[in-house]
Amino acid sequence: MARVRLSVAERREELLRAAIEQISARGVAALRIADVAAALGVSNALVLYHFSTKERLVAAAFTHAAEDDLAHLRRLLGRRTSALRRLRAAVRWYAPTGQAKGWRLWIEGWAVALREPALRSVTLELDRQWKAAIAAVIAEGVAAGEFRCSAPEAAALRLTALLDGLAVQLTSYGGAVSRARAQEWMDEALARELGLERAALTTPRRRPGPSPADAPAGPVARPRRTP
């Protein structure tokens, strides 16, 4: 059966998605151009025409995966609902217990990025944008009076560090921690960063502000750990 003729953009996307699947299954070190070509029933020459080297293909594949993840994150955080609901949805999606990116792919990417500058820039940018998006919504919730957090950027860093670490435990060391326990820790961490009780995550509502008589003379920062 003849293959459908694709535009250059469509062909690149097809190749990138095939590369992502092969990296997830085989790892970067074992990946060959021939694996990607065989998965699609095309020639090695076609893959090399679009990416010229395996290194460029790998960097482009991770960039593509990162863009997909960031687009989904923005959709979650752009919903017309409370900041708390949006944060909880984003954390649940990103977490290793949810339906986020394939964690095997990103753990592989982190390892390879130690030696590949092009891939390092991809993972750093994904990390930067994720933290910035979470910090922005935390700041929005603070401004709306939904919760308290004296340092949104530090809170975002701590939350993502916990999620990334749990992803390694759940993905690389099966049985080290249960998914239920990991979910419990994630909810507790989010509630702690926002100065809420854990139960507030499932029944979020606007917290009433202090009465004028109770208002402090200056801003009061909730005790926090050093990031």
Protein backbone atom coordinates (compact mmCIF):
# COMPACT_ATOMS: atom_id res chain seq x y z
CA MET A 1 0.00 0.00 0.00
CA ALA A 2 1.39 3.39 -1.01
CA ARG A 3 2.20 5.77 1.80
CA VAL A 4 0.30 9.05 2.02
CA ARG A 5 2.45 11.97 0.94
CA LEU A 6 3.05 14.27 3.90
CA SER A 7 4.16 17.88 4.09
CA VAL A 8 7.61 18.60 5.49
CA ALA A 9 6.11 19.67 8.84
CA GLU A 10 3.89 16.59 9.03
CA ARG A 11 6.78 14.28 8.18
CA ARG A 12 9.01 15.85 10.82
CA GLU A 13 6.34 15.46 13.46
CA GLU A 14 5.81 11.82 12.48
CA LEU A 15 9.54 11.17 12.75
CA LEU A 16 9.80 12.97 16.09
CA ARG A 17 6.94 11.02 17.63
CA ALA A 18 8.48 7.77 16.42
CA ALA A 19 11.82 8.83 17.89
CA ILE A 20 10.18 9.59 21.25
CA GLU A 21 8.62 6.13 21.32
CA GLN A 22 11.92 4.47 20.43
CA ILE A 23 13.87 6.48 23.04
CA SER A 24 11.31 5.51 25.69
CA ALA A 25 11.63 1.84 24.73
CA ARG A 26 15.37 1.56 24.04
CA GLY A 27 17.09 4.54 25.64
CA VAL A 28 19.22 7.11 23.86
CA ALA A 29 22.43 5.07 23.88
CA ALA A 30 20.85 2.10 22.11
CA LEU A 31 18.77 4.16 19.70
CA ARG A 32 19.65 3.90 16.01
CA ILE A 33 18.41 5.89 13.04
CA ALA A 34 17.37 2.52 11.60
CA ASP A 35 15.02 1.93 14.56
CA VAL A 36 13.08 5.13 13.85
CA ALA A 37 12.99 4.42 10.12
CA ALA A 38 11.80 0.84 10.63
CA ALA A 39 9.04 1.93 13.01
CA LEU A 40 7.55 4.02 10.21
CA GLY A 41 8.51 1.87 7.25
CA VAL A 42 10.70 4.56 5.71
CA SER A 43 14.37 4.66 4.70
CA ASN A 44 17.29 5.71 6.90
CA ALA A 45 18.03 8.36 4.28
CA LEU A 46 14.67 10.02 4.87
CA VAL A 47 15.34 10.36 8.61
CA LEU A 48 18.81 11.76 7.95
CA TYR A 49 17.41 14.17 5.34
CA HIS A 50 15.32 15.82 8.04
CA PHE A 51 17.76 15.65 10.98
CA SER A 52 21.22 14.87 9.53
CA THR A 53 22.53 13.14 12.69
CA LYS A 54 21.24 11.00 15.53
CA GLU A 55 22.22 13.73 18.01
CA ARG A 56 20.06 16.31 16.25
CA LEU A 57 17.18 13.87 16.05
CA VAL A 58 17.37 13.17 19.78
CA ALA A 59 17.54 16.86 20.71
CA ALA A 60 14.60 17.64 18.42
CA ALA A 61 12.59 14.74 19.86
CA PHE A 62 13.03 15.96 23.43
CA THR A 63 12.20 19.51 22.36
CA HIS A 64 8.99 18.22 20.78
CA ALA A 65 8.07 16.29 23.93
CA ALA A 66 8.79 19.36 26.08
CA GLU A 67 6.61 21.59 23.91
CA ASP A 68 3.73 19.11 24.18
CA ASP A 69 4.03 19.01 27.96
CA LEU A 70 4.23 22.78 28.32
CA ALA A 71 1.21 23.27 26.06
CA HIS A 72 -0.82 20.90 28.24
CA LEU A 73 0.39 22.62 31.40
CA ARG A 74 -0.71 26.02 30.07
CA ARG A 75 -4.15 24.63 29.24
CA LEU A 76 -4.53 23.34 32.79
CA LEU A 77 -3.36 26.57 34.37
CA GLY A 78 -5.43 28.71 32.00
CA ARG A 79 -8.79 27.28 33.07
CA ARG A 80 -11.41 29.64 34.46
CA THR A 81 -11.44 28.39 38.00
CA SER A 82 -9.66 29.09 41.28
CA ALA A 83 -5.88 29.14 41.46
CA LEU A 84 -6.03 26.28 43.98
CA ARG A 85 -7.99 24.04 41.62
CA ARG A 86 -5.63 24.81 38.77
CA LEU A 87 -2.56 24.10 40.89
CA ARG A 88 -3.95 20.82 42.13
CA ALA A 89 -4.86 19.75 38.59
CA ALA A 90 -1.37 20.62 37.33
CA VAL A 91 0.41 18.81 40.15
CA ARG A 92 -1.81 15.73 39.75
CA TRP A 93 -1.16 15.66 36.00
CA TYR A 94 2.61 16.21 36.26
CA ALA A 95 3.09 13.79 39.12
CA PRO A 96 4.39 10.27 38.47
CA THR A 97 1.03 8.94 39.69
CA GLY A 98 -0.85 10.87 37.01
CA GLN A 99 -1.04 10.98 33.22
CA ALA A 100 1.86 13.32 32.49
CA LYS A 101 4.78 12.80 30.17
CA GLY A 102 6.42 9.39 30.00
CA TRP A 103 8.77 9.52 32.96
CA ARG A 104 11.13 6.95 31.45
CA LEU A 105 11.72 9.38 28.60
CA TRP A 106 12.59 12.28 30.89
CA ILE A 107 14.75 10.30 33.29
CA GLU A 108 16.66 9.14 30.23
CA GLY A 109 16.89 12.74 29.06
CA TRP A 110 18.26 13.97 32.38
CA ALA A 111 21.00 11.34 32.28
CA VAL A 112 22.04 12.11 28.70
CA ALA A 113 21.87 15.88 29.31
CA LEU A 114 24.84 15.57 31.67
CA ARG A 115 27.05 15.07 28.60
CA GLU A 116 25.03 16.59 25.74
CA PRO A 117 24.84 20.43 25.81
CA ALA A 118 22.02 20.58 23.23
CA LEU A 119 19.81 18.28 25.27
CA ARG A 120 20.80 20.04 28.50
CA SER A 121 19.40 23.30 27.14
CA VAL A 122 16.11 21.55 26.33
CA THR A 123 15.67 20.07 29.79
CA LEU A 124 16.72 23.31 31.49
CA GLU A 125 14.18 25.32 29.50
CA LEU A 126 11.39 22.86 30.27
CA ASP A 127 12.29 23.03 33.96
CA ARG A 128 12.43 26.83 33.93
CA GLN A 129 9.08 27.27 32.22
CA TRP A 130 7.35 24.69 34.43
CA LYS A 131 8.54 26.39 37.64
CA ALA A 132 7.66 29.85 36.31
CA ALA A 133 4.12 28.76 35.40
CA ILE A 134 3.51 27.19 38.81
CA ALA A 135 4.99 30.19 40.63
CA ALA A 136 2.77 32.58 38.65
CA VAL A 137 -0.42 30.76 39.63
CA ILE A 138 0.68 30.58 43.27
CA ALA A 139 1.24 34.35 43.21
CA GLU A 140 -2.19 34.80 41.63
CA GLY A 141 -3.84 32.75 44.38
CA VAL A 142 -2.03 34.75 47.06
CA ALA A 143 -3.21 38.02 45.48
CA ALA A 144 -6.79 36.70 45.38
CA GLY A 145 -6.65 35.74 49.05
CA GLU A 146 -7.09 32.02 48.40
CA PHE A 147 -4.02 31.01 50.40
CA ARG A 148 -0.70 32.30 51.74
CA CYS A 149 2.77 31.82 50.35
CA SER A 150 5.58 34.27 50.99
CA ALA A 151 7.86 33.01 48.19
CA PRO A 152 6.05 31.50 45.16
CA GLU A 153 9.26 30.83 43.22
CA ALA A 154 10.79 28.87 46.10
CA ALA A 155 7.54 26.96 46.61
CA ALA A 156 7.47 26.01 42.93
CA LEU A 157 11.06 24.79 43.14
CA ARG A 158 10.36 22.63 46.18
CA LEU A 159 7.21 21.14 44.66
CA THR A 160 8.87 20.22 41.38
CA ALA A 161 11.91 18.81 43.17
CA LEU A 162 9.62 16.51 45.16
CA LEU A 163 7.69 15.43 42.06
CA ASP A 164 10.86 14.74 40.06
CA GLY A 165 12.37 12.77 42.94
CA LEU A 166 9.23 10.67 43.40
CA ALA A 167 9.19 10.02 39.65
CA VAL A 168 12.67 8.50 39.88
CA GLN A 169 11.63 6.33 42.83
CA LEU A 170 8.42 5.09 41.20
CA THR A 171 9.88 4.62 37.72
CA SER A 172 13.35 3.32 38.44
CA TYR A 173 12.86 1.50 41.73
CA GLY A 174 9.57 -0.34 41.65
CA GLY A 175 8.19 -0.93 45.13
CA ALA A 176 10.33 1.74 46.82
CA VAL A 177 7.17 3.75 47.50
CA SER A 178 3.55 3.04 46.67
CA ARG A 179 1.59 5.30 44.34
CA ALA A 180 -0.94 5.95 47.09
CA ARG A 181 1.80 7.08 49.49
CA ALA A 182 3.40 9.25 46.80
CA GLN A 183 0.04 10.91 46.13
CA GLU A 184 -0.40 11.52 49.85
CA TRP A 185 3.03 13.18 50.08
CA MET A 186 2.32 15.36 47.05
CA ASP A 187 -0.98 16.58 48.47
CA GLU A 188 0.64 17.26 51.84
CA ALA A 189 3.47 19.22 50.20
CA LEU A 190 1.10 21.34 48.11
CA ALA A 191 -1.09 22.11 51.12
CA ARG A 192 1.95 22.97 53.26
CA GLU A 193 3.37 25.34 50.64
CA LEU A 194 0.02 27.16 50.46
CA GLY A 195 -0.57 27.32 54.21
CA LEU A 196 -3.68 25.12 53.96
CA GLU A 197 -4.99 21.97 55.54
CA ARG A 198 -4.78 18.98 53.23
CA ALA A 199 -8.59 18.66 53.22
CA ALA A 200 -8.80 22.06 51.50
CA LEU A 201 -7.35 20.53 48.34
CA THR A 202 -10.50 18.50 47.76
CA THR A 203 -12.96 21.21 48.87
CA PRO A 204 -11.21 24.44 47.84
CA ARG A 205 -12.91 27.66 48.77
CA ARG A 206 -11.88 31.26 49.25
CA ARG A 207 -10.52 31.77 52.73
CA PRO A 208 -11.93 34.78 54.55
CA GLY A 209 -9.43 37.53 55.23
CA PRO A 210 -8.63 38.80 58.74
CA SER A 211 -10.86 41.40 60.32
CA PRO A 212 -9.43 44.93 60.59
CA ALA A 213 -8.89 44.44 64.34
CA ASP A 214 -6.87 41.31 63.72
CA ALA A 215 -4.85 42.63 60.81
CA PRO A 216 -1.09 42.77 61.53
CA ALA A 217 0.82 46.01 61.19
CA GLY A 218 2.95 44.60 58.40
CA PRO A 219 3.14 41.54 56.15
CA VAL A 220 3.54 38.23 57.97
CA ALA A 221 5.53 35.53 56.21
CA ARG A 222 4.62 31.90 56.79
CA PRO A 223 7.64 29.93 58.06
CA ARG A 224 9.25 28.06 55.19
CA ARG A 225 12.25 25.97 54.38
CA THR A 226 15.19 27.43 52.55
CA PRO A 227 14.86 26.39 48.88
